[in-house]
Amino acid sequence: MKNLTKMFEMQKVLDAKIIEEKGLQGMDRLPYLILALQVELGECANEWRGFKYWSKDLEPRTEKMLTEYVDCLHFILSIGLHKGYDESIPAFKRSIYAFKTDSIIKQFNRLFWTVGSFEDEHNEGDYMRICSQFLGLGEMLGFTWEQIEQAYMDKNAVNHERQATGY
């Protein structure tokens, strides 16, 4: 199983800091988190470039793509924490499998749809679908879990620094 526990804990600390410093206690942040996740998914797709059939340059910008992918992960974890769907829910006790379609285009599109529909009706299973599709996307983009985990740790540190300097 992918070690999301450490990342959930790190995200919990960052989220608490942001909520406290920005005075967001009691706010329903879900619509904001969903839109932020969709924006980051779009930025990740843009760095992948594979949908740009009109362009001669379809070479992925791998480093930037990983950065955007990890930005998505921050928001996925925040959504889980906001809704109480974190590593303590029973579904996370089982192995999280990486759901993959037959193409990266379909994977992005399915993930966009799953994330977008989460705002209206959601439960633990819907959240697990987001996680599963997202992990599948990472594999399809060629990232190892070790790369994702390290990039998350690095970006989390940057996010803390940004909060400390008035971002």
C-alpha atoms as a PDB file:
ATOM      1  CA  MET A   1       0.000   0.000   0.000  1.00  0.00           C
ATOM      2  CA  LYS A   2       1.184   3.478  -0.788  1.00  0.00           C
ATOM      3  CA  ASN A   3       2.169   5.311   2.366  1.00  0.00           C
ATOM      4  CA  LEU A   4      -0.378   8.099   2.457  1.00  0.00           C
ATOM      5  CA  THR A   5      -0.388   8.255   6.261  1.00  0.00           C
ATOM      6  CA  LYS A   6       2.705  10.440   6.445  1.00  0.00           C
ATOM      7  CA  MET A   7       1.378  12.712   3.717  1.00  0.00           C
ATOM      8  CA  PHE A   8      -2.023  13.038   5.384  1.00  0.00           C
ATOM      9  CA  GLU A   9      -0.256  14.071   8.605  1.00  0.00           C
ATOM     10  CA  MET A  10       1.894  16.622   6.784  1.00  0.00           C
ATOM     11  CA  GLN A  11      -1.124  17.990   4.933  1.00  0.00           C
ATOM     12  CA  LYS A  12      -3.104  18.197   8.166  1.00  0.00           C
ATOM     13  CA  VAL A  13      -0.415  20.446   9.660  1.00  0.00           C
ATOM     14  CA  LEU A  14      -0.285  22.681   6.578  1.00  0.00           C
ATOM     15  CA  ASP A  15      -4.077  22.924   6.319  1.00  0.00           C
ATOM     16  CA  ALA A  16      -4.403  23.787  10.019  1.00  0.00           C
ATOM     17  CA  LYS A  17      -1.832  26.542   9.620  1.00  0.00           C
ATOM     18  CA  ILE A  18      -3.636  27.998   6.603  1.00  0.00           C
ATOM     19  CA  ILE A  19      -7.064  27.780   8.253  1.00  0.00           C
ATOM     20  CA  GLU A  20      -5.776  29.476  11.392  1.00  0.00           C
ATOM     21  CA  GLU A  21      -3.790  32.208   9.661  1.00  0.00           C
ATOM     22  CA  LYS A  22      -6.517  33.008   7.130  1.00  0.00           C
ATOM     23  CA  GLY A  23      -9.404  32.773   9.624  1.00  0.00           C
ATOM     24  CA  LEU A  24     -11.201  30.007   7.741  1.00  0.00           C
ATOM     25  CA  GLN A  25     -12.559  28.056  10.718  1.00  0.00           C
ATOM     26  CA  GLY A  26     -15.988  26.649   9.957  1.00  0.00           C
ATOM     27  CA  MET A  27     -15.820  27.471   6.249  1.00  0.00           C
ATOM     28  CA  ASP A  28     -16.952  24.854   3.750  1.00  0.00           C
ATOM     29  CA  ARG A  29     -13.780  24.788   1.682  1.00  0.00           C
ATOM     30  CA  LEU A  30     -14.889  21.843  -0.482  1.00  0.00           C
ATOM     31  CA  PRO A  31     -15.939  23.868  -3.577  1.00  0.00           C
ATOM     32  CA  TYR A  32     -12.641  25.770  -3.450  1.00  0.00           C
ATOM     33  CA  LEU A  33     -10.600  22.597  -3.012  1.00  0.00           C
ATOM     34  CA  ILE A  34     -12.365  20.907  -5.920  1.00  0.00           C
ATOM     35  CA  LEU A  35     -11.789  23.856  -8.243  1.00  0.00           C
ATOM     36  CA  ALA A  36      -8.152  24.118  -7.114  1.00  0.00           C
ATOM     37  CA  LEU A  37      -7.684  20.406  -7.816  1.00  0.00           C
ATOM     38  CA  GLN A  38      -9.210  20.756 -11.272  1.00  0.00           C
ATOM     39  CA  VAL A  39      -6.954  23.728 -12.059  1.00  0.00           C
ATOM     40  CA  GLU A  40      -3.892  21.745 -10.994  1.00  0.00           C
ATOM     41  CA  LEU A  41      -5.050  18.723 -13.025  1.00  0.00           C
ATOM     42  CA  GLY A  42      -5.289  21.030 -16.034  1.00  0.00           C
ATOM     43  CA  GLU A  43      -1.789  22.336 -15.370  1.00  0.00           C
ATOM     44  CA  CYS A  44      -0.527  18.756 -15.092  1.00  0.00           C
ATOM     45  CA  ALA A  45      -2.179  17.876 -18.414  1.00  0.00           C
ATOM     46  CA  ASN A  46      -0.647  20.972 -19.969  1.00  0.00           C
ATOM     47  CA  GLU A  47       2.841  19.832 -18.913  1.00  0.00           C
ATOM     48  CA  TRP A  48       2.115  16.323 -20.229  1.00  0.00           C
ATOM     49  CA  ARG A  49       1.242  17.876 -23.618  1.00  0.00           C
ATOM     50  CA  GLY A  50      -0.118  14.604 -25.053  1.00  0.00           C
ATOM     51  CA  PHE A  51      -3.525  16.084 -25.837  1.00  0.00           C
ATOM     52  CA  LYS A  52      -2.031  18.801 -28.063  1.00  0.00           C
ATOM     53  CA  TYR A  53      -2.504  16.920 -31.341  1.00  0.00           C
ATOM     54  CA  TRP A  54      -2.092  20.226 -33.204  1.00  0.00           C
ATOM     55  CA  SER A  55       1.441  20.743 -31.910  1.00  0.00           C
ATOM     56  CA  LYS A  56       4.717  19.336 -33.179  1.00  0.00           C
ATOM     57  CA  ASP A  57       6.047  19.403 -29.607  1.00  0.00           C
ATOM     58  CA  LEU A  58       4.339  16.620 -27.676  1.00  0.00           C
ATOM     59  CA  GLU A  59       7.301  15.945 -25.389  1.00  0.00           C
ATOM     60  CA  PRO A  60       6.209  15.959 -21.735  1.00  0.00           C
ATOM     61  CA  ARG A  61       7.832  18.478 -19.405  1.00  0.00           C
ATOM     62  CA  THR A  62       8.454  15.717 -16.872  1.00  0.00           C
ATOM     63  CA  GLU A  63       9.841  17.780 -13.987  1.00  0.00           C
ATOM     64  CA  LYS A  64       7.117  20.423 -14.214  1.00  0.00           C
ATOM     65  CA  MET A  65       4.515  17.687 -14.740  1.00  0.00           C
ATOM     66  CA  LEU A  66       5.600  16.009 -11.492  1.00  0.00           C
ATOM     67  CA  THR A  67       5.361  19.350  -9.679  1.00  0.00           C
ATOM     68  CA  GLU A  68       1.801  19.853 -10.932  1.00  0.00           C
ATOM     69  CA  TYR A  69       0.904  16.240 -10.132  1.00  0.00           C
ATOM     70  CA  VAL A  70       2.069  16.761  -6.551  1.00  0.00           C
ATOM     71  CA  ASP A  71       0.111  20.026  -6.336  1.00  0.00           C
ATOM     72  CA  CYS A  72      -2.933  17.898  -7.192  1.00  0.00           C
ATOM     73  CA  LEU A  73      -1.996  15.478  -4.427  1.00  0.00           C
ATOM     74  CA  HIS A  74      -1.957  18.316  -1.889  1.00  0.00           C
ATOM     75  CA  PHE A  75      -5.537  19.190  -2.803  1.00  0.00           C
ATOM     76  CA  ILE A  76      -6.683  15.555  -2.862  1.00  0.00           C
ATOM     77  CA  LEU A  77      -5.333  15.106   0.660  1.00  0.00           C
ATOM     78  CA  SER A  78      -6.960  18.377   1.767  1.00  0.00           C
ATOM     79  CA  ILE A  79     -10.306  17.217   0.373  1.00  0.00           C
ATOM     80  CA  GLY A  80      -9.986  13.964   2.295  1.00  0.00           C
ATOM     81  CA  LEU A  81      -9.103  15.769   5.506  1.00  0.00           C
ATOM     82  CA  HIS A  82     -11.910  18.294   5.051  1.00  0.00           C
ATOM     83  CA  LYS A  83     -14.467  15.497   4.656  1.00  0.00           C
ATOM     84  CA  GLY A  84     -12.938  13.195   7.272  1.00  0.00           C
ATOM     85  CA  TYR A  85     -11.847  10.708   4.597  1.00  0.00           C
ATOM     86  CA  ASP A  86      -8.246  10.176   5.591  1.00  0.00           C
ATOM     87  CA  GLU A  87      -5.976   7.224   6.221  1.00  0.00           C
ATOM     88  CA  SER A  88      -8.100   6.205   9.206  1.00  0.00           C
ATOM     89  CA  ILE A  89     -11.152   5.216   7.135  1.00  0.00           C
ATOM     90  CA  PRO A  90     -11.609   1.482   6.617  1.00  0.00           C
ATOM     91  CA  ALA A  91     -11.054   1.697   2.843  1.00  0.00           C
ATOM     92  CA  PHE A  92      -7.512   2.962   3.420  1.00  0.00           C
ATOM     93  CA  LYS A  93      -6.797  -0.048   5.614  1.00  0.00           C
ATOM     94  CA  ARG A  94      -7.052  -2.150   2.473  1.00  0.00           C
ATOM     95  CA  SER A  95      -4.711  -1.680  -0.433  1.00  0.00           C
ATOM     96  CA  ILE A  96      -5.453   1.308  -2.648  1.00  0.00           C
ATOM     97  CA  TYR A  97      -5.237   0.101  -6.193  1.00  0.00           C
ATOM     98  CA  ALA A  98      -4.321   2.323  -9.093  1.00  0.00           C
ATOM     99  CA  PHE A  99      -7.242   2.408 -11.513  1.00  0.00           C
ATOM    100  CA  LYS A 100      -6.120   2.927 -15.090  1.00  0.00           C
ATOM    101  CA  THR A 101      -8.029   3.353 -18.332  1.00  0.00           C
ATOM    102  CA  ASP A 102      -6.541   2.503 -21.705  1.00  0.00           C
ATOM    103  CA  SER A 103      -5.163   6.000 -22.395  1.00  0.00           C
ATOM    104  CA  ILE A 104      -3.831   9.003 -20.521  1.00  0.00           C
ATOM    105  CA  ILE A 105      -6.443  11.209 -22.244  1.00  0.00           C
ATOM    106  CA  LYS A 106      -9.254   9.031 -20.882  1.00  0.00           C
ATOM    107  CA  GLN A 107      -7.570   8.950 -17.468  1.00  0.00           C
ATOM    108  CA  PHE A 108      -7.456  12.745 -17.250  1.00  0.00           C
ATOM    109  CA  ASN A 109     -11.040  13.046 -18.505  1.00  0.00           C
ATOM    110  CA  ARG A 110     -12.376  10.430 -16.098  1.00  0.00           C
ATOM    111  CA  LEU A 111     -10.539  12.031 -13.186  1.00  0.00           C
ATOM    112  CA  PHE A 112     -11.905  15.476 -14.092  1.00  0.00           C
ATOM    113  CA  TRP A 113     -15.428  14.035 -14.163  1.00  0.00           C
ATOM    114  CA  THR A 114     -15.015  12.156 -10.863  1.00  0.00           C
ATOM    115  CA  VAL A 115     -13.584  15.219  -9.114  1.00  0.00           C
ATOM    116  CA  GLY A 116     -16.234  17.549 -10.557  1.00  0.00           C
ATOM    117  CA  SER A 117     -19.118  15.342  -9.493  1.00  0.00           C
ATOM    118  CA  PHE A 118     -17.697  14.965  -5.969  1.00  0.00           C
ATOM    119  CA  GLU A 119     -19.006  18.355  -4.851  1.00  0.00           C
ATOM    120  CA  ASP A 120     -22.685  17.443  -5.213  1.00  0.00           C
ATOM    121  CA  GLU A 121     -22.825  13.917  -3.839  1.00  0.00           C
ATOM    122  CA  HIS A 122     -19.970  12.141  -2.188  1.00  0.00           C
ATOM    123  CA  ASN A 123     -19.020   9.424   0.217  1.00  0.00           C
ATOM    124  CA  GLU A 124     -15.899   7.462   1.128  1.00  0.00           C
ATOM    125  CA  GLY A 125     -16.223   5.338  -1.998  1.00  0.00           C
ATOM    126  CA  ASP A 126     -16.303   8.410  -4.229  1.00  0.00           C
ATOM    127  CA  TYR A 127     -13.206   9.768  -2.507  1.00  0.00           C
ATOM    128  CA  MET A 128     -11.448   6.420  -2.911  1.00  0.00           C
ATOM    129  CA  ARG A 129     -12.292   6.552  -6.651  1.00  0.00           C
ATOM    130  CA  ILE A 130     -10.541   9.914  -6.897  1.00  0.00           C
ATOM    131  CA  CYS A 131      -7.504   8.500  -5.096  1.00  0.00           C
ATOM    132  CA  SER A 132      -7.466   5.354  -7.212  1.00  0.00           C
ATOM    133  CA  GLN A 133      -7.797   7.210 -10.515  1.00  0.00           C
ATOM    134  CA  PHE A 134      -5.175   9.731  -9.433  1.00  0.00           C
ATOM    135  CA  LEU A 135      -2.681   7.010  -8.477  1.00  0.00           C
ATOM    136  CA  GLY A 136      -3.368   5.347 -11.822  1.00  0.00           C
ATOM    137  CA  LEU A 137      -2.673   8.626 -13.603  1.00  0.00           C
ATOM    138  CA  GLY A 138       0.663   8.920 -11.820  1.00  0.00           C
ATOM    139  CA  GLU A 139       1.659   5.444 -12.960  1.00  0.00           C
ATOM    140  CA  MET A 140       0.534   6.184 -16.516  1.00  0.00           C
ATOM    141  CA  LEU A 141       2.613   9.374 -16.528  1.00  0.00           C
ATOM    142  CA  GLY A 142       5.620   7.250 -15.548  1.00  0.00           C
ATOM    143  CA  PHE A 143       6.143   8.384 -11.962  1.00  0.00           C
ATOM    144  CA  THR A 144       7.356   6.000  -9.297  1.00  0.00           C
ATOM    145  CA  TRP A 145       5.892   6.178  -5.816  1.00  0.00           C
ATOM    146  CA  GLU A 146       9.305   7.207  -4.508  1.00  0.00           C
ATOM    147  CA  GLN A 147       9.389  10.168  -6.933  1.00  0.00           C
ATOM    148  CA  ILE A 148       5.886  11.225  -5.928  1.00  0.00           C
ATOM    149  CA  GLU A 149       6.605  10.933  -2.231  1.00  0.00           C
ATOM    150  CA  GLN A 150       9.851  12.934  -2.459  1.00  0.00           C
ATOM    151  CA  ALA A 151       8.253  15.607  -4.638  1.00  0.00           C
ATOM    152  CA  TYR A 152       5.370  15.872  -2.156  1.00  0.00           C
ATOM    153  CA  MET A 153       7.784  16.331   0.770  1.00  0.00           C
ATOM    154  CA  ASP A 154       9.703  18.992  -1.157  1.00  0.00           C
ATOM    155  CA  LYS A 155       6.580  20.896  -2.208  1.00  0.00           C
ATOM    156  CA  ASN A 156       5.078  20.681   1.278  1.00  0.00           C
ATOM    157  CA  ALA A 157       8.176  22.419   2.615  1.00  0.00           C
ATOM    158  CA  VAL A 158       7.825  25.118  -0.075  1.00  0.00           C
ATOM    159  CA  ASN A 159       4.154  25.580   0.871  1.00  0.00           C
ATOM    160  CA  HIS A 160       5.066  26.040   4.542  1.00  0.00           C
ATOM    161  CA  GLU A 161       7.702  28.599   3.557  1.00  0.00           C
ATOM    162  CA  ARG A 162       5.165  30.442   1.412  1.00  0.00           C
ATOM    163  CA  GLN A 163       2.751  30.633   4.337  1.00  0.00           C
ATOM    164  CA  ALA A 164       5.532  31.886   6.610  1.00  0.00           C
ATOM    165  CA  THR A 165       6.390  34.671   4.164  1.00  0.00           C
ATOM    166  CA  GLY A 166       2.858  35.957   3.560  1.00  0.00           C
ATOM    167  CA  TYR A 167       1.895  34.055   0.400  1.00  0.00           C
END
